[in-house]
PDB file of all heavy atoms in Angstrom:
ATOM      1  N   THR A   1       0.814  -1.217   0.001  1.00  0.00           N
ATOM      2  CA  THR A   1       0.001   0.001  -0.001  1.00  0.00           C
ATOM      3  C   THR A   1       0.845   1.264  -0.001  1.00  0.00           C
ATOM      4  O   THR A   1       0.588   2.200  -0.776  1.00  0.00           O
ATOM      5  CB  THR A   1      -0.921   0.006   1.238  1.00  0.00           C
ATOM      6  OG1 THR A   1      -1.674  -1.208   1.273  1.00  0.00           O
ATOM      7  CG2 THR A   1      -1.884   1.188   1.189  1.00  0.00           C
ATOM      8  N   GLU A   2       1.850   1.323   0.872  1.00  0.00           N
ATOM      9  CA  GLU A   2       2.664   2.525   0.994  1.00  0.00           C
ATOM     10  C   GLU A   2       3.451   2.819  -0.277  1.00  0.00           C
ATOM     11  O   GLU A   2       3.638   3.985  -0.645  1.00  0.00           O
ATOM     12  CB  GLU A   2       3.590   2.420   2.213  1.00  0.00           C
ATOM     13  CG  GLU A   2       2.854   2.435   3.546  1.00  0.00           C
ATOM     14  CD  GLU A   2       1.918   3.638   3.686  1.00  0.00           C
ATOM     15  OE1 GLU A   2       2.379   4.771   3.409  1.00  0.00           O
ATOM     16  OE2 GLU A   2       0.756   3.436   4.069  1.00  0.00           O
ATOM     17  N   THR A   3       3.907   1.761  -0.948  1.00  0.00           N
ATOM     18  CA  THR A   3       4.631   1.971  -2.201  1.00  0.00           C
ATOM     19  C   THR A   3       3.707   2.526  -3.275  1.00  0.00           C
ATOM     20  O   THR A   3       4.089   3.419  -4.041  1.00  0.00           O
ATOM     21  CB  THR A   3       5.270   0.656  -2.683  1.00  0.00           C
ATOM     22  OG1 THR A   3       6.119   0.138  -1.649  1.00  0.00           O
ATOM     23  CG2 THR A   3       6.102   0.878  -3.936  1.00  0.00           C
ATOM     24  N   TRP A   4       2.477   2.021  -3.333  1.00  0.00           N
ATOM     25  CA  TRP A   4       1.496   2.559  -4.290  1.00  0.00           C
ATOM     26  C   TRP A   4       1.190   4.026  -3.985  1.00  0.00           C
ATOM     27  O   TRP A   4       1.125   4.859  -4.901  1.00  0.00           O
ATOM     28  CB  TRP A   4       0.211   1.743  -4.273  1.00  0.00           C
ATOM     29  CG  TRP A   4       0.206   0.567  -5.190  1.00  0.00           C
ATOM     30  CD1 TRP A   4       0.109  -0.760  -4.861  1.00  0.00           C
ATOM     31  CD2 TRP A   4       0.294   0.604  -6.619  1.00  0.00           C
ATOM     32  NE1 TRP A   4       0.148  -1.542  -5.993  1.00  0.00           N
ATOM     33  CE2 TRP A   4       0.258  -0.735  -7.085  1.00  0.00           C
ATOM     34  CE3 TRP A   4       0.394   1.639  -7.563  1.00  0.00           C
ATOM     35  CZ2 TRP A   4       0.313  -1.060  -8.439  1.00  0.00           C
ATOM     36  CZ3 TRP A   4       0.469   1.322  -8.916  1.00  0.00           C
ATOM     37  CH2 TRP A   4       0.430  -0.008  -9.345  1.00  0.00           C
ATOM     38  N   LYS A   5       1.030   4.346  -2.708  1.00  0.00           N
ATOM     39  CA  LYS A   5       0.719   5.728  -2.356  1.00  0.00           C
ATOM     40  C   LYS A   5       1.882   6.661  -2.705  1.00  0.00           C
ATOM     41  O   LYS A   5       1.675   7.773  -3.208  1.00  0.00           O
ATOM     42  CB  LYS A   5       0.385   5.812  -0.855  1.00  0.00           C
ATOM     43  CG  LYS A   5      -0.969   5.190  -0.528  1.00  0.00           C
ATOM     44  CD  LYS A   5      -1.179   4.969   0.966  1.00  0.00           C
ATOM     45  CE  LYS A   5      -1.385   6.252   1.710  1.00  0.00           C
ATOM     46  NZ  LYS A   5      -1.743   5.990   3.136  1.00  0.00           N
ATOM     47  N   ARG A   6       3.099   6.198  -2.479  1.00  0.00           N
ATOM     48  CA  ARG A   6       4.260   6.995  -2.858  1.00  0.00           C
ATOM     49  C   ARG A   6       4.313   7.182  -4.377  1.00  0.00           C
ATOM     50  O   ARG A   6       4.606   8.277  -4.871  1.00  0.00           O
ATOM     51  CB  ARG A   6       5.546   6.330  -2.359  1.00  0.00           C
ATOM     52  CG  ARG A   6       6.817   7.068  -2.801  1.00  0.00           C
ATOM     53  CD  ARG A   6       8.057   6.503  -2.143  1.00  0.00           C
ATOM     54  NE  ARG A   6       8.244   5.108  -2.428  1.00  0.00           N
ATOM     55  CZ  ARG A   6       8.781   4.639  -3.559  1.00  0.00           C
ATOM     56  NH1 ARG A   6       9.146   5.465  -4.525  1.00  0.00           N
ATOM     57  NH2 ARG A   6       8.959   3.332  -3.733  1.00  0.00           N
ATOM     58  N   ALA A   7       4.007   6.121  -5.119  1.00  0.00           N
ATOM     59  CA  ALA A   7       4.009   6.218  -6.585  1.00  0.00           C
ATOM     60  C   ALA A   7       2.981   7.234  -7.069  1.00  0.00           C
ATOM     61  O   ALA A   7       3.246   8.028  -7.986  1.00  0.00           O
ATOM     62  CB  ALA A   7       3.724   4.842  -7.198  1.00  0.00           C
ATOM     63  N   LEU A   8       1.793   7.246  -6.451  1.00  0.00           N
ATOM     64  CA  LEU A   8       0.761   8.197  -6.834  1.00  0.00           C
ATOM     65  C   LEU A   8       1.186   9.631  -6.515  1.00  0.00           C
ATOM     66  O   LEU A   8       0.969  10.552  -7.321  1.00  0.00           O
ATOM     67  CB  LEU A   8      -0.542   7.854  -6.107  1.00  0.00           C
ATOM     68  CG  LEU A   8      -1.244   6.574  -6.576  1.00  0.00           C
ATOM     69  CD1 LEU A   8      -2.293   6.131  -5.560  1.00  0.00           C
ATOM     70  CD2 LEU A   8      -1.884   6.790  -7.950  1.00  0.00           C
ATOM     71  N   SER A   9       1.823   9.830  -5.367  1.00  0.00           N
ATOM     72  CA  SER A   9       2.306  11.160  -5.001  1.00  0.00           C
ATOM     73  C   SER A   9       3.377  11.634  -5.978  1.00  0.00           C
ATOM     74  O   SER A   9       3.407  12.806  -6.373  1.00  0.00           O
ATOM     75  CB  SER A   9       2.861  11.149  -3.573  1.00  0.00           C
ATOM     76  OG  SER A   9       1.825  10.878  -2.637  1.00  0.00           O
ATOM     77  N   GLU A  10       4.263  10.726  -6.370  1.00  0.00           N
ATOM     78  CA  GLU A  10       5.301  11.073  -7.342  1.00  0.00           C
ATOM     79  C   GLU A  10       4.697  11.364  -8.714  1.00  0.00           C
ATOM     80  O   GLU A  10       5.212  12.202  -9.466  1.00  0.00           O
ATOM     81  CB  GLU A  10       6.335   9.950  -7.428  1.00  0.00           C
ATOM     82  CG  GLU A  10       7.191   9.817  -6.171  1.00  0.00           C
ATOM     83  CD  GLU A  10       8.213   8.702  -6.270  1.00  0.00           C
ATOM     84  OE1 GLU A  10       8.365   8.103  -7.368  1.00  0.00           O
ATOM     85  OE2 GLU A  10       8.874   8.410  -5.250  1.00  0.00           O
ATOM     86  N   ALA A  11       3.607  10.675  -9.032  1.00  0.00           N
ATOM     87  CA  ALA A  11       2.928  10.926 -10.301  1.00  0.00           C
ATOM     88  C   ALA A  11       2.414  12.353 -10.375  1.00  0.00           C
ATOM     89  O   ALA A  11       2.527  13.032 -11.406  1.00  0.00           O
ATOM     90  CB  ALA A  11       1.782   9.925 -10.485  1.00  0.00           C
ATOM     91  N   VAL A  12       1.830  12.829  -9.273  1.00  0.00           N
ATOM     92  CA  VAL A  12       1.324  14.196  -9.229  1.00  0.00           C
ATOM     93  C   VAL A  12       2.463  15.200  -9.397  1.00  0.00           C
ATOM     94  O   VAL A  12       2.326  16.211 -10.096  1.00  0.00           O
ATOM     95  CB  VAL A  12       0.575  14.451  -7.899  1.00  0.00           C
ATOM     96  CG1 VAL A  12       0.267  15.928  -7.717  1.00  0.00           C
ATOM     97  CG2 VAL A  12      -0.720  13.645  -7.859  1.00  0.00           C
ATOM     98  N   LYS A  13       3.601  14.913  -8.818  1.00  0.00           N
ATOM     99  CA  LYS A  13       4.744  15.827  -8.888  1.00  0.00           C
ATOM    100  C   LYS A  13       5.255  16.007 -10.314  1.00  0.00           C
ATOM    101  O   LYS A  13       5.792  17.066 -10.641  1.00  0.00           O
ATOM    102  CB  LYS A  13       5.866  15.325  -7.981  1.00  0.00           C
ATOM    103  CG  LYS A  13       5.576  15.486  -6.501  1.00  0.00           C
ATOM    104  CD  LYS A  13       6.732  14.987  -5.651  1.00  0.00           C
ATOM    105  CE  LYS A  13       6.426  15.138  -4.164  1.00  0.00           C
ATOM    106  NZ  LYS A  13       7.534  14.617  -3.318  1.00  0.00           N
ATOM    107  N   ILE A  14       5.097  14.984 -11.158  1.00  0.00           N
ATOM    108  CA  ILE A  14       5.563  15.152 -12.545  1.00  0.00           C
ATOM    109  C   ILE A  14       4.442  15.621 -13.472  1.00  0.00           C
ATOM    110  O   ILE A  14       4.634  15.718 -14.684  1.00  0.00           O
ATOM    111  CB  ILE A  14       6.217  13.863 -13.094  1.00  0.00           C
ATOM    112  CG1 ILE A  14       5.219  12.698 -13.169  1.00  0.00           C
ATOM    113  CG2 ILE A  14       7.429  13.488 -12.293  1.00  0.00           C
ATOM    114  CD1 ILE A  14       5.801  11.468 -13.864  1.00  0.00           C
ATOM    115  N   GLY A  15       3.271  15.919 -12.894  1.00  0.00           N
ATOM    116  CA  GLY A  15       2.204  16.542 -13.672  1.00  0.00           C
ATOM    117  C   GLY A  15       1.050  15.664 -14.070  1.00  0.00           C
ATOM    118  O   GLY A  15       0.131  16.099 -14.768  1.00  0.00           O
ATOM    119  N   ILE A  16       1.044  14.395 -13.644  1.00  0.00           N
ATOM    120  CA  ILE A  16      -0.038  13.487 -14.006  1.00  0.00           C
ATOM    121  C   ILE A  16      -1.353  13.945 -13.374  1.00  0.00           C
ATOM    122  O   ILE A  16      -1.400  14.381 -12.228  1.00  0.00           O
ATOM    123  CB  ILE A  16       0.321  12.040 -13.588  1.00  0.00           C
ATOM    124  CG1 ILE A  16       1.341  11.474 -14.573  1.00  0.00           C
ATOM    125  CG2 ILE A  16      -0.906  11.138 -13.510  1.00  0.00           C
ATOM    126  CD1 ILE A  16       1.845  10.090 -14.250  1.00  0.00           C
ATOM    127  N   LEU A  17      -2.420  13.831 -14.159  1.00  0.00           N
ATOM    128  CA  LEU A  17      -3.737  14.309 -13.734  1.00  0.00           C
ATOM    129  C   LEU A  17      -4.699  13.185 -13.364  1.00  0.00           C
ATOM    130  O   LEU A  17      -5.653  13.406 -12.624  1.00  0.00           O
ATOM    131  CB  LEU A  17      -4.378  15.138 -14.860  1.00  0.00           C
ATOM    132  CG  LEU A  17      -3.609  16.371 -15.320  1.00  0.00           C
ATOM    133  CD1 LEU A  17      -4.286  16.965 -16.548  1.00  0.00           C
ATOM    134  CD2 LEU A  17      -3.519  17.389 -14.202  1.00  0.00           C
ATOM    135  N   GLN A  18      -4.475  11.991 -13.894  1.00  0.00           N
ATOM    136  CA  GLN A  18      -5.453  10.913 -13.750  1.00  0.00           C
ATOM    137  C   GLN A  18      -4.799   9.623 -13.292  1.00  0.00           C
ATOM    138  O   GLN A  18      -3.713   9.263 -13.754  1.00  0.00           O
ATOM    139  CB  GLN A  18      -6.148  10.653 -15.081  1.00  0.00           C
ATOM    140  CG  GLN A  18      -6.818  11.856 -15.691  1.00  0.00           C
ATOM    141  CD  GLN A  18      -7.335  11.556 -17.076  1.00  0.00           C
ATOM    142  OE1 GLN A  18      -7.463  10.415 -17.473  1.00  0.00           O
ATOM    143  NE2 GLN A  18      -7.640  12.592 -17.830  1.00  0.00           N
ATOM    144  N   ALA A  19      -5.495   8.902 -12.416  1.00  0.00           N
ATOM    145  CA  ALA A  19      -5.075   7.570 -11.988  1.00  0.00           C
ATOM    146  C   ALA A  19      -6.192   6.590 -12.316  1.00  0.00           C
ATOM    147  O   ALA A  19      -7.330   6.765 -11.879  1.00  0.00           O
ATOM    148  CB  ALA A  19      -4.761   7.546 -10.501  1.00  0.00           C
ATOM    149  N   HIS A  20      -5.860   5.572 -13.096  1.00  0.00           N
ATOM    150  CA  HIS A  20      -6.826   4.545 -13.488  1.00  0.00           C
ATOM    151  C   HIS A  20      -6.452   3.247 -12.783  1.00  0.00           C
ATOM    152  O   HIS A  20      -5.376   2.691 -13.024  1.00  0.00           O
ATOM    153  CB  HIS A  20      -6.820   4.364 -15.002  1.00  0.00           C
ATOM    154  CG  HIS A  20      -7.160   5.626 -15.740  1.00  0.00           C
ATOM    155  ND1 HIS A  20      -8.428   5.917 -16.168  1.00  0.00           N
ATOM    156  CD2 HIS A  20      -6.393   6.681 -16.105  1.00  0.00           C
ATOM    157  CE1 HIS A  20      -8.429   7.094 -16.786  1.00  0.00           C
ATOM    158  NE2 HIS A  20      -7.204   7.575 -16.755  1.00  0.00           N
ATOM    159  N   PHE A  21      -7.331   2.787 -11.886  1.00  0.00           N
ATOM    160  CA  PHE A  21      -7.058   1.590 -11.101  1.00  0.00           C
ATOM    161  C   PHE A  21      -7.595   0.370 -11.832  1.00  0.00           C
ATOM    162  O   PHE A  21      -8.798   0.240 -12.071  1.00  0.00           O
ATOM    163  CB  PHE A  21      -7.686   1.715  -9.708  1.00  0.00           C
ATOM    164  CG  PHE A  21      -7.081   2.810  -8.880  1.00  0.00           C
ATOM    165  CD1 PHE A  21      -7.772   3.994  -8.650  1.00  0.00           C
ATOM    166  CD2 PHE A  21      -5.809   2.681  -8.342  1.00  0.00           C
ATOM    167  CE1 PHE A  21      -7.223   5.012  -7.892  1.00  0.00           C
ATOM    168  CE2 PHE A  21      -5.238   3.700  -7.590  1.00  0.00           C
ATOM    169  CZ  PHE A  21      -5.943   4.865  -7.358  1.00  0.00           C
ATOM    170  N   SER A  22      -6.681  -0.519 -12.177  1.00  0.00           N
ATOM    171  CA  SER A  22      -7.040  -1.656 -12.998  1.00  0.00           C
ATOM    172  C   SER A  22      -6.393  -2.917 -12.436  1.00  0.00           C
ATOM    173  O   SER A  22      -5.846  -2.934 -11.343  1.00  0.00           O
ATOM    174  CB  SER A  22      -6.587  -1.393 -14.446  1.00  0.00           C
ATOM    175  OG  SER A  22      -6.923  -2.468 -15.294  1.00  0.00           O
ATOM    176  N   GLY A  23      -6.457  -3.994 -13.210  1.00  0.00           N
ATOM    177  CA  GLY A  23      -5.852  -5.248 -12.810  1.00  0.00           C
ATOM    178  C   GLY A  23      -5.473  -6.058 -14.037  1.00  0.00           C
ATOM    179  O   GLY A  23      -5.024  -5.480 -15.038  1.00  0.00           O
ATOM    180  N   GLY A  24      -5.780  -7.377 -14.030  1.00  0.00           N
ATOM    181  CA  GLY A  24      -6.600  -8.128 -13.120  1.00  0.00           C
ATOM    182  C   GLY A  24      -7.851  -7.412 -12.641  1.00  0.00           C
ATOM    183  O   GLY A  24      -8.406  -6.528 -13.279  1.00  0.00           O
ATOM    184  N   GLU A  25      -8.290  -7.833 -11.470  1.00  0.00           N
ATOM    185  CA  GLU A  25      -9.460  -7.244 -10.845  1.00  0.00           C
ATOM    186  C   GLU A  25      -9.009  -6.416  -9.648  1.00  0.00           C
ATOM    187  O   GLU A  25      -8.631  -6.974  -8.600  1.00  0.00           O
ATOM    188  CB  GLU A  25     -10.445  -8.332 -10.430  1.00  0.00           C
ATOM    189  CG  GLU A  25     -11.663  -7.833  -9.647  1.00  0.00           C
ATOM    190  CD  GLU A  25     -12.310  -6.613 -10.305  1.00  0.00           C
ATOM    191  OE1 GLU A  25     -12.694  -6.708 -11.490  1.00  0.00           O
ATOM    192  OE2 GLU A  25     -12.411  -5.562  -9.645  1.00  0.00           O
ATOM    193  N   PRO A  26      -9.030  -5.079  -9.768  1.00  0.00           N
ATOM    194  CA  PRO A  26      -8.478  -4.231  -8.713  1.00  0.00           C
ATOM    195  C   PRO A  26      -9.197  -4.349  -7.382  1.00  0.00           C
ATOM    196  O   PRO A  26      -8.599  -4.102  -6.325  1.00  0.00           O
ATOM    197  CB  PRO A  26      -8.615  -2.809  -9.295  1.00  0.00           C
ATOM    198  CG  PRO A  26      -9.687  -2.926 -10.333  1.00  0.00           C
ATOM    199  CD  PRO A  26      -9.549  -4.302 -10.903  1.00  0.00           C
ATOM    200  N   THR A  27     -10.486  -4.716  -7.413  1.00  0.00           N
ATOM    201  CA  THR A  27     -11.213  -4.837  -6.151  1.00  0.00           C
ATOM    202  C   THR A  27     -10.800  -6.060  -5.353  1.00  0.00           C
ATOM    203  O   THR A  27     -11.256  -6.244  -4.217  1.00  0.00           O
ATOM    204  CB  THR A  27     -12.738  -4.868  -6.395  1.00  0.00           C
ATOM    205  OG1 THR A  27     -13.066  -5.999  -7.214  1.00  0.00           O
ATOM    206  CG2 THR A  27     -13.205  -3.601  -7.086  1.00  0.00           C
ATOM    207  N   ALA A  28      -9.907  -6.894  -5.903  1.00  0.00           N
ATOM    208  CA  ALA A  28      -9.336  -8.004  -5.127  1.00  0.00           C
ATOM    209  C   ALA A  28      -8.358  -7.490  -4.077  1.00  0.00           C
ATOM    210  O   ALA A  28      -7.998  -8.206  -3.143  1.00  0.00           O
ATOM    211  CB  ALA A  28      -8.640  -8.999  -6.055  1.00  0.00           C
ATOM    212  N   ARG A  29      -7.928  -6.227  -4.220  1.00  0.00           N
ATOM    213  CA  ARG A  29      -7.035  -5.609  -3.227  1.00  0.00           C
ATOM    214  C   ARG A  29      -7.873  -5.016  -2.091  1.00  0.00           C
ATOM    215  O   ARG A  29      -8.770  -4.209  -2.316  1.00  0.00           O
ATOM    216  CB  ARG A  29      -6.204  -4.492  -3.863  1.00  0.00           C
ATOM    217  CG  ARG A  29      -5.186  -4.940  -4.878  1.00  0.00           C
ATOM    218  CD  ARG A  29      -3.826  -5.214  -4.298  1.00  0.00           C
ATOM    219  NE  ARG A  29      -3.233  -4.153  -3.504  1.00  0.00           N
ATOM    220  CZ  ARG A  29      -1.915  -3.937  -3.424  1.00  0.00           C
ATOM    221  NH1 ARG A  29      -1.071  -4.678  -4.139  1.00  0.00           N
ATOM    222  NH2 ARG A  29      -1.426  -3.002  -2.638  1.00  0.00           N
ATOM    223  N   LYS A  30      -7.538  -5.384  -0.859  1.00  0.00           N
ATOM    224  CA  LYS A  30      -8.274  -4.864   0.295  1.00  0.00           C
ATOM    225  C   LYS A  30      -7.992  -3.393   0.555  1.00  0.00           C
ATOM    226  O   LYS A  30      -8.753  -2.733   1.273  1.00  0.00           O
ATOM    227  CB  LYS A  30      -7.934  -5.699   1.534  1.00  0.00           C
ATOM    228  CG  LYS A  30      -8.476  -7.113   1.491  1.00  0.00           C
ATOM    229  CD  LYS A  30      -8.155  -7.856   2.783  1.00  0.00           C
ATOM    230  CE  LYS A  30      -8.764  -9.238   2.783  1.00  0.00           C
ATOM    231  NZ  LYS A  30      -8.451  -9.997   4.039  1.00  0.00           N
ATOM    232  N   ASP A  31      -6.895  -2.889   0.001  1.00  0.00           N
ATOM    233  CA  ASP A  31      -6.509  -1.509   0.267  1.00  0.00           C
ATOM    234  C   ASP A  31      -6.990  -0.542  -0.800  1.00  0.00           C
ATOM    235  O   ASP A  31      -6.567   0.624  -0.837  1.00  0.00           O
ATOM    236  CB  ASP A  31      -4.994  -1.397   0.420  1.00  0.00           C
ATOM    237  CG  ASP A  31      -4.236  -1.871  -0.828  1.00  0.00           C
ATOM    238  OD1 ASP A  31      -4.891  -2.335  -1.790  1.00  0.00           O
ATOM    239  OD2 ASP A  31      -2.994  -1.786  -0.832  1.00  0.00           O
ATOM    240  N   LEU A  32      -7.890  -0.968  -1.680  1.00  0.00           N
ATOM    241  CA  LEU A  32      -8.305  -0.112  -2.784  1.00  0.00           C
ATOM    242  C   LEU A  32      -8.939   1.183  -2.301  1.00  0.00           C
ATOM    243  O   LEU A  32      -8.675   2.264  -2.843  1.00  0.00           O
ATOM    244  CB  LEU A  32      -9.288  -0.862  -3.702  1.00  0.00           C
ATOM    245  CG  LEU A  32      -9.813  -0.095  -4.914  1.00  0.00           C
ATOM    246  CD1 LEU A  32      -8.668   0.438  -5.777  1.00  0.00           C
ATOM    247  CD2 LEU A  32     -10.735  -0.971  -5.755  1.00  0.00           C
ATOM    248  N   GLU A  33      -9.767   1.125  -1.250  1.00  0.00           N
ATOM    249  CA  GLU A  33     -10.374   2.339  -0.712  1.00  0.00           C
ATOM    250  C   GLU A  33      -9.294   3.334  -0.282  1.00  0.00           C
ATOM    251  O   GLU A  33      -9.402   4.542  -0.544  1.00  0.00           O
ATOM    252  CB  GLU A  33     -11.257   2.016   0.500  1.00  0.00           C
ATOM    253  CG  GLU A  33     -12.504   1.221   0.157  1.00  0.00           C
ATOM    254  CD  GLU A  33     -12.297  -0.286   0.254  1.00  0.00           C
ATOM    255  OE1 GLU A  33     -11.156  -0.748   0.042  1.00  0.00           O
ATOM    256  OE2 GLU A  33     -13.269  -0.990   0.545  1.00  0.00           O
ATOM    257  N   GLU A  34      -8.265   2.836   0.357  1.00  0.00           N
ATOM    258  CA  GLU A  34      -7.187   3.698   0.851  1.00  0.00           C
ATOM    259  C   GLU A  34      -6.426   4.337  -0.315  1.00  0.00           C
ATOM    260  O   GLU A  34      -6.057   5.515  -0.260  1.00  0.00           O
ATOM    261  CB  GLU A  34      -6.221   2.900   1.735  1.00  0.00           C
ATOM    262  CG  GLU A  34      -5.153   3.743   2.393  1.00  0.00           C
ATOM    263  CD  GLU A  34      -4.291   2.945   3.369  1.00  0.00           C
ATOM    264  OE1 GLU A  34      -4.633   1.775   3.659  1.00  0.00           O
ATOM    265  OE2 GLU A  34      -3.279   3.487   3.833  1.00  0.00           O
ATOM    266  N   LEU A  35      -6.216   3.580  -1.377  1.00  0.00           N
ATOM    267  CA  LEU A  35      -5.508   4.107  -2.544  1.00  0.00           C
ATOM    268  C   LEU A  35      -6.348   5.165  -3.267  1.00  0.00           C
ATOM    269  O   LEU A  35      -5.825   6.188  -3.710  1.00  0.00           O
ATOM    270  CB  LEU A  35      -5.137   2.975  -3.497  1.00  0.00           C
ATOM    271  CG  LEU A  35      -4.164   1.922  -2.936  1.00  0.00           C
ATOM    272  CD1 LEU A  35      -3.889   0.849  -3.971  1.00  0.00           C
ATOM    273  CD2 LEU A  35      -2.864   2.570  -2.476  1.00  0.00           C
ATOM    274  N   ILE A  36      -7.652   4.911  -3.380  1.00  0.00           N
ATOM    275  CA  ILE A  36      -8.541   5.899  -3.996  1.00  0.00           C
ATOM    276  C   ILE A  36      -8.546   7.186  -3.178  1.00  0.00           C
ATOM    277  O   ILE A  36      -8.458   8.290  -3.715  1.00  0.00           O
ATOM    278  CB  ILE A  36      -9.970   5.336  -4.125  1.00  0.00           C
ATOM    279  CG1 ILE A  36     -10.018   4.200  -5.147  1.00  0.00           C
ATOM    280  CG2 ILE A  36     -10.946   6.444  -4.522  1.00  0.00           C
ATOM    281  CD1 ILE A  36     -11.339   3.450  -5.165  1.00  0.00           C
ATOM    282  N   GLN A  37      -8.662   7.028  -1.852  1.00  0.00           N
ATOM    283  CA  GLN A  37      -8.697   8.199  -0.978  1.00  0.00           C
ATOM    284  C   GLN A  37      -7.415   9.017  -1.103  1.00  0.00           C
ATOM    285  O   GLN A  37      -7.450  10.247  -1.195  1.00  0.00           O
ATOM    286  CB  GLN A  37      -8.897   7.741   0.474  1.00  0.00           C
ATOM    287  CG  GLN A  37      -9.247   8.866   1.447  1.00  0.00           C
ATOM    288  CD  GLN A  37      -8.024   9.675   1.888  1.00  0.00           C
ATOM    289  OE1 GLN A  37      -6.933   9.118   2.016  1.00  0.00           O
ATOM    290  NE2 GLN A  37      -8.211  10.968   2.117  1.00  0.00           N
ATOM    291  N   HIS A  38      -6.281   8.332  -1.153  1.00  0.00           N
ATOM    292  CA  HIS A  38      -5.011   9.038  -1.270  1.00  0.00           C
ATOM    293  C   HIS A  38      -4.912   9.766  -2.615  1.00  0.00           C
ATOM    294  O   HIS A  38      -4.532  10.948  -2.662  1.00  0.00           O
ATOM    295  CB  HIS A  38      -3.842   8.058  -1.126  1.00  0.00           C
ATOM    296  CG  HIS A  38      -2.499   8.719  -1.263  1.00  0.00           C
ATOM    297  ND1 HIS A  38      -1.960   9.529  -0.284  1.00  0.00           N
ATOM    298  CD2 HIS A  38      -1.604   8.717  -2.300  1.00  0.00           C
ATOM    299  CE1 HIS A  38      -0.788   9.995  -0.696  1.00  0.00           C
ATOM    300  NE2 HIS A  38      -0.550   9.515  -1.906  1.00  0.00           N
ATOM    301  N   ALA A  39      -5.265   9.072  -3.683  1.00  0.00           N
ATOM    302  CA  ALA A  39      -5.200   9.681  -5.022  1.00  0.00           C
ATOM    303  C   ALA A  39      -6.106  10.900  -5.101  1.00  0.00           C
ATOM    304  O   ALA A  39      -5.726  11.950  -5.645  1.00  0.00           O
ATOM    305  CB  ALA A  39      -5.595   8.653  -6.078  1.00  0.00           C
ATOM    306  N   SER A  40      -7.313  10.775  -4.549  1.00  0.00           N
ATOM    307  CA  SER A  40      -8.264  11.888  -4.577  1.00  0.00           C
ATOM    308  C   SER A  40      -7.760  13.066  -3.756  1.00  0.00           C
ATOM    309  O   SER A  40      -7.892  14.227  -4.153  1.00  0.00           O
ATOM    310  CB  SER A  40      -9.626  11.414  -4.069  1.00  0.00           C
ATOM    311  OG  SER A  40     -10.563  12.458  -4.064  1.00  0.00           O
ATOM    312  N   SER A  41      -7.152  12.772  -2.619  1.00  0.00           N
ATOM    313  CA  SER A  41      -6.697  13.834  -1.714  1.00  0.00           C
ATOM    314  C   SER A  41      -5.557  14.663  -2.300  1.00  0.00           C
ATOM    315  O   SER A  41      -5.361  15.807  -1.908  1.00  0.00           O
ATOM    316  CB  SER A  41      -6.259  13.236  -0.370  1.00  0.00           C
ATOM    317  OG  SER A  41      -5.039  12.503  -0.501  1.00  0.00           O
ATOM    318  N   ILE A  42      -4.806  14.080  -3.241  1.00  0.00           N
ATOM    319  CA  ILE A  42      -3.697  14.825  -3.857  1.00  0.00           C
ATOM    320  C   ILE A  42      -4.080  15.373  -5.235  1.00  0.00           C
ATOM    321  O   ILE A  42      -3.226  15.824  -5.993  1.00  0.00           O
ATOM    322  CB  ILE A  42      -2.422  13.958  -3.948  1.00  0.00           C
ATOM    323  CG1 ILE A  42      -2.680  12.672  -4.722  1.00  0.00           C
ATOM    324  CG2 ILE A  42      -1.892  13.653  -2.553  1.00  0.00           C
ATOM    325  CD1 ILE A  42      -1.427  11.794  -4.897  1.00  0.00           C
TER     326      ILE A  42
END
């Protein structure tokens, strides 16, 4: 989870505007809510 959150924060720093959560099936991850919340907050 923490590595994904860091990657999303670094994405914003280089100018990325959108995060698309995919897989496989992304809802198989229990931390998906946390990743969405982090992406939205930044």
